[in-house]
Amino acid sequence: MVNETRKKILDAALEEFAENGYKGATIRVIAQKAGFTEMTLFRNFKNKKNLFSSVLIENNEKIMKEVPLIFVEKEFLNSKDFLETLIRNLLNLGKNNFEFIKVTINESSRIPGNFVAEFLNGISEYMEKNIQNKEMDYQIFAFSVLSFIYLLLSDYAYYSGDHEKAIEKFINNSVICIR
């Protein structure tokens, strides 16, 4: 179990890395956000690289516990029912982990392995299992859905914050395309 000091530092570091990237984040600002001195951070993590690695490990473990909740095993009524469930589940996962997702995407060159590619593959396999369309490129469609979710969470959505309307139109358009 992570002690309270360590948790506060990791939370502040995640926020700072999400806002300013690895290069722009400083130990001084992270320490201030966490409510500790720089010395406390160095005692716990030795350097910025170790702190960044700890942030990735901690949050990757957290998100991996939530990922199975996306892949609902049930008989869907139709493609629209499936997409509605998938998109809402992805949106919830994204809301709960947006800062980590942002760091993962923006700092992908610093992250060993490729969590994003593995996640994309999992989504596309899940789509292929639940949407039967021989002409569909499931990888590209999964990428489109994840991009939509990311933009929606980033508040770049076309509908000026009307997320429900954007979700509904995205699902309806997707159903038209996969028929």
N, C-alpha and C. Protein backbone atom coordinates (compact mmCIF):
# COMPACT_ATOMS: atom_id res chain seq x y z
N MET A 1 0.84 -1.19 0.00
CA MET A 1 0.00 0.00 0.00
C MET A 1 0.89 1.25 0.00
N VAL A 2 0.52 2.20 -0.79
CA VAL A 2 1.27 3.44 -0.90
C VAL A 2 0.99 4.32 0.30
N ASN A 3 2.06 4.82 0.95
CA ASN A 3 1.82 5.69 2.10
C ASN A 3 1.29 7.05 1.64
N GLU A 4 0.74 7.81 2.57
CA GLU A 4 0.06 9.07 2.24
C GLU A 4 0.99 10.09 1.57
N THR A 5 2.22 10.21 2.06
CA THR A 5 3.19 11.15 1.48
C THR A 5 3.46 10.77 0.03
N ARG A 6 3.76 9.52 -0.18
CA ARG A 6 4.05 9.02 -1.53
C ARG A 6 2.86 9.23 -2.46
N LYS A 7 1.65 8.96 -1.97
CA LYS A 7 0.45 9.13 -2.78
C LYS A 7 0.26 10.59 -3.18
N LYS A 8 0.44 11.50 -2.25
CA LYS A 8 0.30 12.93 -2.56
C LYS A 8 1.32 13.37 -3.62
N ILE A 9 2.54 12.87 -3.48
CA ILE A 9 3.58 13.21 -4.45
C ILE A 9 3.24 12.65 -5.82
N LEU A 10 2.82 11.39 -5.87
CA LEU A 10 2.47 10.77 -7.15
C LEU A 10 1.29 11.47 -7.81
N ASP A 11 0.30 11.85 -7.03
CA ASP A 11 -0.86 12.58 -7.58
C ASP A 11 -0.44 13.93 -8.14
N ALA A 12 0.39 14.65 -7.40
CA ALA A 12 0.86 15.96 -7.85
C ALA A 12 1.74 15.81 -9.09
N ALA A 13 2.56 14.78 -9.12
CA ALA A 13 3.44 14.54 -10.27
C ALA A 13 2.62 14.19 -11.50
N LEU A 14 1.61 13.35 -11.35
CA LEU A 14 0.75 13.01 -12.49
C LEU A 14 0.11 14.26 -13.06
N GLU A 15 -0.41 15.10 -12.19
CA GLU A 15 -1.03 16.36 -12.63
C GLU A 15 -0.03 17.23 -13.37
N GLU A 16 1.17 17.36 -12.82
CA GLU A 16 2.20 18.21 -13.44
C GLU A 16 2.69 17.63 -14.77
N PHE A 17 2.91 16.32 -14.83
CA PHE A 17 3.34 15.70 -16.09
C PHE A 17 2.24 15.82 -17.14
N ALA A 18 0.98 15.72 -16.75
CA ALA A 18 -0.13 15.86 -17.70
C ALA A 18 -0.23 17.29 -18.22
N GLU A 19 0.00 18.25 -17.34
CA GLU A 19 -0.10 19.66 -17.73
C GLU A 19 1.08 20.14 -18.56
N ASN A 20 2.30 19.72 -18.16
CA ASN A 20 3.50 20.32 -18.75
C ASN A 20 4.45 19.34 -19.43
N GLY A 21 4.10 18.07 -19.44
CA GLY A 21 4.99 17.07 -20.03
C GLY A 21 6.18 16.80 -19.13
N TYR A 22 6.94 15.79 -19.50
CA TYR A 22 8.10 15.41 -18.70
C TYR A 22 9.13 16.54 -18.65
N LYS A 23 9.44 17.10 -19.80
CA LYS A 23 10.47 18.15 -19.85
C LYS A 23 10.05 19.40 -19.11
N GLY A 24 8.78 19.76 -19.20
CA GLY A 24 8.31 20.99 -18.57
C GLY A 24 8.02 20.88 -17.08
N ALA A 25 7.84 19.66 -16.61
CA ALA A 25 7.55 19.44 -15.18
C ALA A 25 8.83 19.62 -14.37
N THR A 26 8.69 20.24 -13.20
CA THR A 26 9.85 20.41 -12.33
C THR A 26 9.56 19.81 -10.96
N ILE A 27 10.62 19.33 -10.34
CA ILE A 27 10.50 18.77 -8.99
C ILE A 27 10.00 19.84 -8.03
N ARG A 28 10.45 21.07 -8.21
CA ARG A 28 10.04 22.16 -7.33
C ARG A 28 8.52 22.36 -7.37
N VAL A 29 7.94 22.41 -8.56
CA VAL A 29 6.50 22.61 -8.70
C VAL A 29 5.73 21.40 -8.18
N ILE A 30 6.22 20.20 -8.48
CA ILE A 30 5.57 18.99 -7.98
C ILE A 30 5.57 18.98 -6.46
N ALA A 31 6.69 19.35 -5.86
CA ALA A 31 6.79 19.40 -4.40
C ALA A 31 5.79 20.41 -3.83
N GLN A 32 5.71 21.58 -4.46
CA GLN A 32 4.75 22.59 -3.99
C GLN A 32 3.32 22.08 -4.08
N LYS A 33 2.97 21.47 -5.22
CA LYS A 33 1.61 20.95 -5.39
C LYS A 33 1.29 19.87 -4.37
N ALA A 34 2.28 19.07 -4.03
CA ALA A 34 2.08 17.97 -3.07
C ALA A 34 2.10 18.47 -1.63
N GLY A 35 2.65 19.68 -1.42
CA GLY A 35 2.73 20.23 -0.07
C GLY A 35 3.96 19.77 0.70
N PHE A 36 5.03 19.45 -0.03
CA PHE A 36 6.26 18.98 0.59
C PHE A 36 7.46 19.76 0.06
N THR A 37 8.60 19.51 0.64
CA THR A 37 9.83 20.12 0.15
C THR A 37 10.41 19.24 -0.96
N GLU A 38 11.30 19.84 -1.74
CA GLU A 38 11.99 19.07 -2.78
C GLU A 38 12.78 17.92 -2.16
N MET A 39 13.32 18.14 -0.98
CA MET A 39 14.10 17.11 -0.31
C MET A 39 13.24 15.86 -0.04
N THR A 40 11.97 16.08 0.32
CA THR A 40 11.08 14.94 0.55
C THR A 40 10.88 14.13 -0.72
N LEU A 41 10.74 14.83 -1.84
CA LEU A 41 10.61 14.12 -3.12
C LEU A 41 11.86 13.33 -3.43
N PHE A 42 13.02 13.94 -3.24
CA PHE A 42 14.28 13.25 -3.54
C PHE A 42 14.50 12.05 -2.61
N ARG A 43 14.07 12.17 -1.35
CA ARG A 43 14.19 11.03 -0.43
C ARG A 43 13.31 9.86 -0.89
N ASN A 44 12.16 10.17 -1.44
CA ASN A 44 11.22 9.13 -1.87
C ASN A 44 11.50 8.58 -3.27
N PHE A 45 12.04 9.41 -4.15
CA PHE A 45 12.16 8.99 -5.55
C PHE A 45 13.54 9.18 -6.17
N LYS A 46 14.46 9.78 -5.50
CA LYS A 46 15.85 10.00 -5.94
C LYS A 46 15.98 11.05 -7.05
N ASN A 47 15.14 10.95 -8.11
CA ASN A 47 15.24 11.91 -9.21
C ASN A 47 13.92 11.95 -10.00
N LYS A 48 13.85 12.86 -10.95
CA LYS A 48 12.63 13.04 -11.74
C LYS A 48 12.31 11.80 -12.58
N LYS A 49 13.32 11.15 -13.10
CA LYS A 49 13.11 9.95 -13.91
C LYS A 49 12.44 8.85 -13.08
N ASN A 50 12.92 8.63 -11.86
CA ASN A 50 12.30 7.63 -10.98
C ASN A 50 10.87 8.02 -10.60
N LEU A 51 10.66 9.30 -10.37
CA LEU A 51 9.31 9.78 -10.05
C LEU A 51 8.37 9.52 -11.23
N PHE A 52 8.82 9.84 -12.43
CA PHE A 52 8.01 9.62 -13.63
C PHE A 52 7.68 8.12 -13.79
N SER A 53 8.69 7.29 -13.61
CA SER A 53 8.47 5.84 -13.71
C SER A 53 7.47 5.36 -12.68
N SER A 54 7.56 5.88 -11.46
CA SER A 54 6.62 5.50 -10.40
C SER A 54 5.20 5.94 -10.73
N VAL A 55 5.06 7.13 -11.31
CA VAL A 55 3.75 7.62 -11.73
C VAL A 55 3.16 6.67 -12.78
N LEU A 56 3.98 6.27 -13.74
CA LEU A 56 3.50 5.37 -14.79
C LEU A 56 3.09 4.02 -14.22
N ILE A 57 3.93 3.45 -13.38
CA ILE A 57 3.65 2.13 -12.81
C ILE A 57 2.37 2.17 -11.98
N GLU A 58 2.28 3.13 -11.09
CA GLU A 58 1.12 3.25 -10.20
C GLU A 58 -0.18 3.41 -10.99
N ASN A 59 -0.17 4.29 -11.98
CA ASN A 59 -1.39 4.56 -12.73
C ASN A 59 -1.71 3.47 -13.75
N ASN A 60 -0.68 2.82 -14.28
CA ASN A 60 -0.92 1.70 -15.17
C ASN A 60 -1.62 0.57 -14.41
N GLU A 61 -1.17 0.30 -13.19
CA GLU A 61 -1.81 -0.73 -12.37
C GLU A 61 -3.28 -0.37 -12.10
N LYS A 62 -3.52 0.90 -11.82
CA LYS A 62 -4.89 1.36 -11.55
C LYS A 62 -5.78 1.18 -12.77
N ILE A 63 -5.31 1.62 -13.92
CA ILE A 63 -6.14 1.55 -15.13
C ILE A 63 -6.34 0.10 -15.58
N MET A 64 -5.33 -0.75 -15.37
CA MET A 64 -5.46 -2.15 -15.77
C MET A 64 -6.52 -2.88 -14.95
N LYS A 65 -6.78 -2.41 -13.74
CA LYS A 65 -7.85 -2.99 -12.93
C LYS A 65 -9.22 -2.59 -13.48
N GLU A 66 -9.29 -1.43 -14.15
CA GLU A 66 -10.55 -0.93 -14.68
C GLU A 66 -10.83 -1.42 -16.10
N VAL A 67 -9.79 -1.75 -16.87
CA VAL A 67 -9.96 -2.14 -18.27
C VAL A 67 -10.94 -3.30 -18.45
N PRO A 68 -10.90 -4.34 -17.65
CA PRO A 68 -11.85 -5.44 -17.87
C PRO A 68 -13.32 -5.01 -17.81
N LEU A 69 -13.61 -3.91 -17.13
CA LEU A 69 -14.99 -3.42 -17.04
C LEU A 69 -15.52 -2.93 -18.38
N ILE A 70 -14.61 -2.62 -19.31
CA ILE A 70 -15.02 -2.16 -20.64
C ILE A 70 -15.58 -3.31 -21.46
N PHE A 71 -14.95 -4.46 -21.33
CA PHE A 71 -15.27 -5.60 -22.18
C PHE A 71 -16.42 -6.42 -21.59
N VAL A 72 -17.61 -5.90 -21.74
CA VAL A 72 -18.81 -6.52 -21.22
C VAL A 72 -19.11 -7.77 -22.04
N GLU A 73 -19.29 -8.88 -21.35
CA GLU A 73 -19.63 -10.14 -22.02
C GLU A 73 -21.14 -10.32 -21.93
N LYS A 74 -21.82 -9.92 -22.99
CA LYS A 74 -23.27 -10.10 -23.04
C LYS A 74 -23.70 -10.15 -24.50
N GLU A 75 -24.91 -10.53 -24.70
CA GLU A 75 -25.49 -10.56 -26.04
C GLU A 75 -26.10 -9.17 -26.29
N PHE A 76 -25.50 -8.43 -27.20
CA PHE A 76 -26.00 -7.09 -27.52
C PHE A 76 -27.16 -7.19 -28.49
N LEU A 77 -28.12 -6.29 -28.37
CA LEU A 77 -29.30 -6.30 -29.24
C LEU A 77 -28.92 -6.04 -30.69
N ASN A 78 -27.98 -5.10 -30.88
CA ASN A 78 -27.55 -4.71 -32.23
C ASN A 78 -26.26 -3.91 -32.12
N SER A 79 -25.76 -3.43 -33.24
CA SER A 79 -24.50 -2.66 -33.25
C SER A 79 -24.63 -1.38 -32.44
N LYS A 80 -25.78 -0.75 -32.50
CA LYS A 80 -25.97 0.49 -31.75
C LYS A 80 -25.88 0.24 -30.25
N ASP A 81 -26.52 -0.84 -29.79
CA ASP A 81 -26.46 -1.21 -28.37
C ASP A 81 -25.01 -1.49 -27.95
N PHE A 82 -24.29 -2.20 -28.79
CA PHE A 82 -22.89 -2.50 -28.51
C PHE A 82 -22.06 -1.21 -28.42
N LEU A 83 -22.19 -0.35 -29.43
CA LEU A 83 -21.40 0.89 -29.46
C LEU A 83 -21.75 1.80 -28.29
N GLU A 84 -23.02 1.88 -27.97
CA GLU A 84 -23.45 2.70 -26.83
C GLU A 84 -22.76 2.23 -25.55
N THR A 85 -22.77 0.93 -25.33
CA THR A 85 -22.15 0.35 -24.14
C THR A 85 -20.64 0.58 -24.15
N LEU A 86 -20.00 0.28 -25.27
CA LEU A 86 -18.55 0.44 -25.38
C LEU A 86 -18.13 1.89 -25.18
N ILE A 87 -18.78 2.80 -25.85
CA ILE A 87 -18.38 4.21 -25.77
C ILE A 87 -18.62 4.77 -24.37
N ARG A 88 -19.72 4.42 -23.75
CA ARG A 88 -19.97 4.89 -22.37
C ARG A 88 -18.93 4.31 -21.40
N ASN A 89 -18.58 3.05 -21.59
CA ASN A 89 -17.56 2.43 -20.73
C ASN A 89 -16.19 3.07 -20.95
N LEU A 90 -15.84 3.32 -22.20
CA LEU A 90 -14.57 3.99 -22.49
C LEU A 90 -14.55 5.41 -21.94
N LEU A 91 -15.68 6.09 -22.05
CA LEU A 91 -15.77 7.45 -21.51
C LEU A 91 -15.57 7.46 -20.00
N ASN A 92 -16.17 6.51 -19.30
CA ASN A 92 -15.98 6.41 -17.84
C ASN A 92 -14.53 6.12 -17.50
N LEU A 93 -13.92 5.18 -18.22
CA LEU A 93 -12.51 4.88 -17.99
C LEU A 93 -11.66 6.12 -18.24
N GLY A 94 -11.96 6.83 -19.31
CA GLY A 94 -11.21 8.05 -19.63
C GLY A 94 -11.38 9.15 -18.60
N LYS A 95 -12.60 9.32 -18.11
CA LYS A 95 -12.84 10.34 -17.07
C LYS A 95 -12.05 10.02 -15.80
N ASN A 96 -12.02 8.75 -15.45
CA ASN A 96 -11.32 8.33 -14.23
C ASN A 96 -9.80 8.39 -14.34
N ASN A 97 -9.29 8.42 -15.56
CA ASN A 97 -7.84 8.30 -15.77
C ASN A 97 -7.31 9.28 -16.81
N PHE A 98 -7.97 10.41 -17.00
CA PHE A 98 -7.61 11.28 -18.11
C PHE A 98 -6.17 11.79 -18.04
N GLU A 99 -5.72 12.20 -16.87
CA GLU A 99 -4.35 12.71 -16.77
C GLU A 99 -3.34 11.64 -17.16
N PHE A 100 -3.56 10.41 -16.73
CA PHE A 100 -2.65 9.32 -17.08
C PHE A 100 -2.70 9.05 -18.58
N ILE A 101 -3.89 9.06 -19.16
CA ILE A 101 -4.03 8.84 -20.61
C ILE A 101 -3.28 9.93 -21.37
N LYS A 102 -3.43 11.16 -20.92
CA LYS A 102 -2.75 12.28 -21.56
C LYS A 102 -1.23 12.12 -21.48
N VAL A 103 -0.72 11.75 -20.32
CA VAL A 103 0.73 11.52 -20.18
C VAL A 103 1.17 10.37 -21.07
N THR A 104 0.40 9.29 -21.10
CA THR A 104 0.74 8.12 -21.90
C THR A 104 0.84 8.47 -23.39
N ILE A 105 -0.09 9.27 -23.87
CA ILE A 105 -0.08 9.66 -25.28
C ILE A 105 1.03 10.67 -25.56
N ASN A 106 1.14 11.69 -24.73
CA ASN A 106 2.11 12.76 -24.99
C ASN A 106 3.56 12.36 -24.72
N GLU A 107 3.77 11.38 -23.87
CA GLU A 107 5.13 10.97 -23.52
C GLU A 107 5.42 9.54 -23.97
N SER A 108 4.77 9.10 -25.03
CA SER A 108 4.90 7.71 -25.47
C SER A 108 6.34 7.30 -25.76
N SER A 109 7.17 8.24 -26.20
CA SER A 109 8.58 7.91 -26.50
C SER A 109 9.37 7.60 -25.22
N ARG A 110 8.89 8.02 -24.07
CA ARG A 110 9.57 7.77 -22.79
C ARG A 110 9.05 6.53 -22.08
N ILE A 111 8.02 5.91 -22.64
CA ILE A 111 7.36 4.82 -21.95
C ILE A 111 7.76 3.49 -22.61
N PRO A 112 8.34 2.59 -21.82
CA PRO A 112 8.69 1.28 -22.39
C PRO A 112 7.43 0.49 -22.73
N GLY A 113 7.52 -0.30 -23.79
CA GLY A 113 6.34 -1.04 -24.24
C GLY A 113 5.40 -0.08 -24.93
N ASN A 114 4.25 -0.54 -25.29
CA ASN A 114 3.30 0.36 -25.92
C ASN A 114 1.89 0.07 -25.42
N PHE A 115 1.57 0.67 -24.30
CA PHE A 115 0.26 0.50 -23.68
C PHE A 115 -0.85 0.91 -24.64
N VAL A 116 -0.66 2.01 -25.37
CA VAL A 116 -1.70 2.52 -26.27
C VAL A 116 -1.98 1.50 -27.37
N ALA A 117 -0.93 0.94 -27.98
CA ALA A 117 -1.11 -0.04 -29.05
C ALA A 117 -1.79 -1.30 -28.52
N GLU A 118 -1.40 -1.75 -27.34
CA GLU A 118 -2.02 -2.93 -26.74
C GLU A 118 -3.50 -2.68 -26.44
N PHE A 119 -3.79 -1.50 -25.93
CA PHE A 119 -5.17 -1.14 -25.63
C PHE A 119 -5.99 -1.07 -26.92
N LEU A 120 -5.43 -0.46 -27.96
CA LEU A 120 -6.09 -0.36 -29.26
C LEU A 120 -6.38 -1.76 -29.82
N ASN A 121 -5.42 -2.66 -29.71
CA ASN A 121 -5.62 -4.03 -30.19
C ASN A 121 -6.75 -4.72 -29.43
N GLY A 122 -6.79 -4.52 -28.11
CA GLY A 122 -7.86 -5.11 -27.31
C GLY A 122 -9.23 -4.61 -27.71
N ILE A 123 -9.34 -3.31 -27.95
CA ILE A 123 -10.61 -2.71 -28.37
C ILE A 123 -11.01 -3.24 -29.75
N SER A 124 -10.06 -3.32 -30.68
CA SER A 124 -10.40 -3.78 -32.03
C SER A 124 -10.82 -5.25 -32.03
N GLU A 125 -10.18 -6.08 -31.21
CA GLU A 125 -10.59 -7.49 -31.10
C GLU A 125 -11.99 -7.61 -30.50
N TYR A 126 -12.28 -6.77 -29.52
CA TYR A 126 -13.61 -6.75 -28.90
C TYR A 126 -14.67 -6.32 -29.92
N MET A 127 -14.32 -5.33 -30.74
CA MET A 127 -15.24 -4.88 -31.79
C MET A 127 -15.49 -5.99 -32.81
N GLU A 128 -14.44 -6.64 -33.22
CA GLU A 128 -14.55 -7.70 -34.22
C GLU A 128 -15.46 -8.83 -33.72
N LYS A 129 -15.38 -9.10 -32.44
CA LYS A 129 -16.21 -10.14 -31.83
C LYS A 129 -17.69 -9.74 -31.81
N ASN A 130 -17.96 -8.44 -31.70
CA ASN A 130 -19.34 -7.98 -31.50
C ASN A 130 -19.97 -7.26 -32.69
N ILE A 131 -19.18 -6.94 -33.69
CA ILE A 131 -19.71 -6.31 -34.90
C ILE A 131 -19.25 -7.16 -36.08
N GLN A 132 -20.18 -7.78 -36.74
CA GLN A 132 -19.81 -8.60 -37.88
C GLN A 132 -19.93 -7.79 -39.16
N ASN A 133 -18.78 -7.45 -39.72
CA ASN A 133 -18.74 -6.73 -40.98
C ASN A 133 -17.40 -7.05 -41.64
N LYS A 134 -17.44 -7.85 -42.68
CA LYS A 134 -16.21 -8.31 -43.34
C LYS A 134 -15.40 -7.19 -43.97
N GLU A 135 -16.04 -6.08 -44.25
CA GLU A 135 -15.35 -4.96 -44.90
C GLU A 135 -14.71 -4.00 -43.90
N MET A 136 -15.00 -4.16 -42.62
CA MET A 136 -14.53 -3.21 -41.62
C MET A 136 -13.08 -3.44 -41.25
N ASP A 137 -12.36 -2.35 -41.11
CA ASP A 137 -11.02 -2.38 -40.53
C ASP A 137 -11.21 -2.03 -39.05
N TYR A 138 -11.23 -3.04 -38.21
CA TYR A 138 -11.54 -2.86 -36.79
C TYR A 138 -10.49 -2.01 -36.08
N GLN A 139 -9.25 -2.12 -36.50
CA GLN A 139 -8.16 -1.34 -35.89
C GLN A 139 -8.41 0.16 -36.11
N ILE A 140 -8.75 0.52 -37.34
CA ILE A 140 -9.00 1.93 -37.67
C ILE A 140 -10.26 2.43 -36.95
N PHE A 141 -11.29 1.59 -36.92
CA PHE A 141 -12.52 1.99 -36.24
C PHE A 141 -12.26 2.18 -34.75
N ALA A 142 -11.49 1.28 -34.13
CA ALA A 142 -11.14 1.41 -32.71
C ALA A 142 -10.36 2.71 -32.49
N PHE A 143 -9.43 3.00 -33.39
CA PHE A 143 -8.66 4.24 -33.30
C PHE A 143 -9.59 5.46 -33.39
N SER A 144 -10.58 5.39 -34.28
CA SER A 144 -11.54 6.49 -34.42
C SER A 144 -12.35 6.69 -33.14
N VAL A 145 -12.81 5.59 -32.55
CA VAL A 145 -13.60 5.68 -31.31
C VAL A 145 -12.74 6.25 -30.18
N LEU A 146 -11.52 5.75 -30.03
CA LEU A 146 -10.64 6.26 -28.97
C LEU A 146 -10.28 7.72 -29.19
N SER A 147 -10.09 8.11 -30.43
CA SER A 147 -9.81 9.53 -30.74
C SER A 147 -10.99 10.40 -30.37
N PHE A 148 -12.18 9.94 -30.71
CA PHE A 148 -13.40 10.68 -30.35
C PHE A 148 -13.51 10.85 -28.84
N ILE A 149 -13.28 9.76 -28.10
CA ILE A 149 -13.35 9.82 -26.63
C ILE A 149 -12.32 10.81 -26.10
N TYR A 150 -11.10 10.73 -26.60
CA TYR A 150 -10.04 11.63 -26.13
C TYR A 150 -10.41 13.09 -26.40
N LEU A 151 -10.88 13.37 -27.60
CA LEU A 151 -11.27 14.75 -27.92
C LEU A 151 -12.44 15.21 -27.06
N LEU A 152 -13.37 14.33 -26.83
CA LEU A 152 -14.52 14.67 -25.98
C LEU A 152 -14.05 15.00 -24.57
N LEU A 153 -13.16 14.20 -24.04
CA LEU A 153 -12.64 14.44 -22.69
C LEU A 153 -11.77 15.69 -22.64
N SER A 154 -11.16 16.03 -23.76
CA SER A 154 -10.31 17.22 -23.82
C SER A 154 -11.12 18.49 -24.04
N ASP A 155 -12.42 18.35 -24.18
CA ASP A 155 -13.33 19.47 -24.46
C ASP A 155 -13.06 20.16 -25.79
N TYR A 156 -12.58 19.38 -26.75
CA TYR A 156 -12.44 19.90 -28.11
C TYR A 156 -13.63 19.50 -28.96
N ALA A 157 -14.66 18.94 -28.32
CA ALA A 157 -15.80 18.43 -29.07
C ALA A 157 -16.49 19.55 -29.85
N TYR A 158 -16.95 19.20 -31.01
CA TYR A 158 -17.62 20.13 -31.91
C TYR A 158 -18.87 20.75 -31.30
N TYR A 159 -19.51 20.03 -30.40
CA TYR A 159 -20.77 20.49 -29.85
C TYR A 159 -20.62 21.37 -28.62
N SER A 160 -19.53 22.06 -28.49
CA SER A 160 -19.32 23.04 -27.42
C SER A 160 -19.73 22.55 -26.04
N GLY A 161 -19.27 21.37 -25.69
CA GLY A 161 -19.54 20.86 -24.35
C GLY A 161 -20.80 20.02 -24.25
N ASP A 162 -21.59 19.92 -25.32
CA ASP A 162 -22.78 19.08 -25.28
C ASP A 162 -22.37 17.65 -25.60
N HIS A 163 -21.79 17.00 -24.60
CA HIS A 163 -21.23 15.66 -24.79
C HIS A 163 -22.29 14.63 -25.15
N GLU A 164 -23.44 14.71 -24.55
CA GLU A 164 -24.50 13.73 -24.83
C GLU A 164 -24.91 13.78 -26.30
N LYS A 165 -25.05 14.96 -26.83
CA LYS A 165 -25.43 15.11 -28.24
C LYS A 165 -24.31 14.59 -29.15
N ALA A 166 -23.08 14.90 -28.78
CA ALA A 166 -21.93 14.43 -29.57
C ALA A 166 -21.85 12.90 -29.56
N ILE A 167 -22.06 12.29 -28.41
CA ILE A 167 -22.02 10.83 -28.29
C ILE A 167 -23.12 10.21 -29.15
N GLU A 168 -24.31 10.74 -29.03
CA GLU A 168 -25.44 10.21 -29.79
C GLU A 168 -25.18 10.29 -31.30
N LYS A 169 -24.70 11.43 -31.77
CA LYS A 169 -24.43 11.59 -33.21
C LYS A 169 -23.28 10.70 -33.66
N PHE A 170 -22.26 10.56 -32.83
CA PHE A 170 -21.14 9.68 -33.18
C PHE A 170 -21.61 8.24 -33.32
N ILE A 171 -22.41 7.78 -32.37
CA ILE A 171 -22.93 6.41 -32.43
C ILE A 171 -23.82 6.23 -33.66
N ASN A 172 -24.74 7.16 -33.89
CA ASN A 172 -25.62 7.05 -35.06
C ASN A 172 -24.83 7.03 -36.36
N ASN A 173 -23.84 7.90 -36.48
CA ASN A 173 -23.00 7.91 -37.69
C ASN A 173 -22.22 6.61 -37.83
N SER A 174 -21.72 6.10 -36.74
CA SER A 174 -20.96 4.85 -36.78
C SER A 174 -21.83 3.69 -37.22
N VAL A 175 -23.06 3.64 -36.71
CA VAL A 175 -23.99 2.56 -37.10
C VAL A 175 -24.28 2.63 -38.59
N ILE A 176 -24.46 3.82 -39.11
CA ILE A 176 -24.69 3.98 -40.55
C ILE A 176 -23.51 3.43 -41.34
N CYS A 177 -22.31 3.72 -40.87
CA CYS A 177 -21.10 3.31 -41.59
C CYS A 177 -20.83 1.80 -41.51
N ILE A 178 -21.26 1.14 -40.46
CA ILE A 178 -20.92 -0.28 -40.32
C ILE A 178 -22.00 -1.21 -40.84
N ARG A 179 -23.07 -0.67 -41.37
CA ARG A 179 -24.14 -1.53 -41.90
C ARG A 179 -23.67 -2.30 -43.09
